[in-house]
Amino acid sequence: MQFAGEDPERLTELRNDERQRTVYRPALIETEGFAGFCMVRNLSKQGMKADAYAEFAIGQRVVVELSQVTRVDGEIIWSDGSDVGVRFDNEVDVVAALTGSEGIPGNTARGRPPRLSINCAASIVTAQGEFSTQVSDVSQRGLKLTVSGVRGGDELTIRLPHHSVKKAIVRWTQDGTAGLNFVAPMKYSELAEWAIRVQNDQKGGHPQSLEHEKHERHAGAGRGRRTIAPA
């Protein structure tokens, strides 16, 4: 386990405080040049422990989106494999972060899975044939992409890079863009790994996600863990 260079007693206090509320909540974590999914395990007003599905550098600056109404800047203060500890720059309202409401009447963000803005090429198969498309955001339940000639309720097949074929249903269309719901939602870890691979491709590199590299090492490949380093 690695720690930031500060008073160990202070770090222990922060870690104990983070464990005051045990949660199992998906969130987004962003650094310069990377944005991905994480699973928050422990949350307090001062920080969090999360599985980031990759290794981050100690001292690295991050932005965490706990809900559509709660975004907070922070710093990686410890890491243990893919588990990271983040200290927030400013205290957060834990209840608001978990409910996604922040006291806003009629707010519909509660329970909505985090959506990651991501640009990648894909293809869809409809009754009219197969067409190229561009994905603009994705969540466990579905995605948004460019498409024409489809209507709400249509079922189609989408082929994503680094992923098996997915069946989806068109939920809405507007000006050449459509929102799709997957017939079978993605597993969260699968989605997080996929987002890492797509961004690796866009950067022109070939580092693998952490889970893939663990599999490679167990198979005897001997590769190191995937690290999200500062840009």
Foldseek 3Di string as FASTA:
>chain_A
DDFPPDDPVVVVVLVVQQQPDADFAKWWKDAVLDIFIWTWGGGFQFWTKIQLLAAEDFQGKMWIQLWPVDIFIWGFGDDDGRITITTTPGGDDVVCSQQVCVPPPPDPGGPDFDKDFDWDKKWKQFPVGIDIWIWGIDGQFWTKIFADDDAAQGWIWIGDPPDDIWIWGWHHDDDRMTIITTPHGDDRSVRRQVSVCRSCVVVVHDDHGQVVVVVCVVVPVPDDTHYDYHD
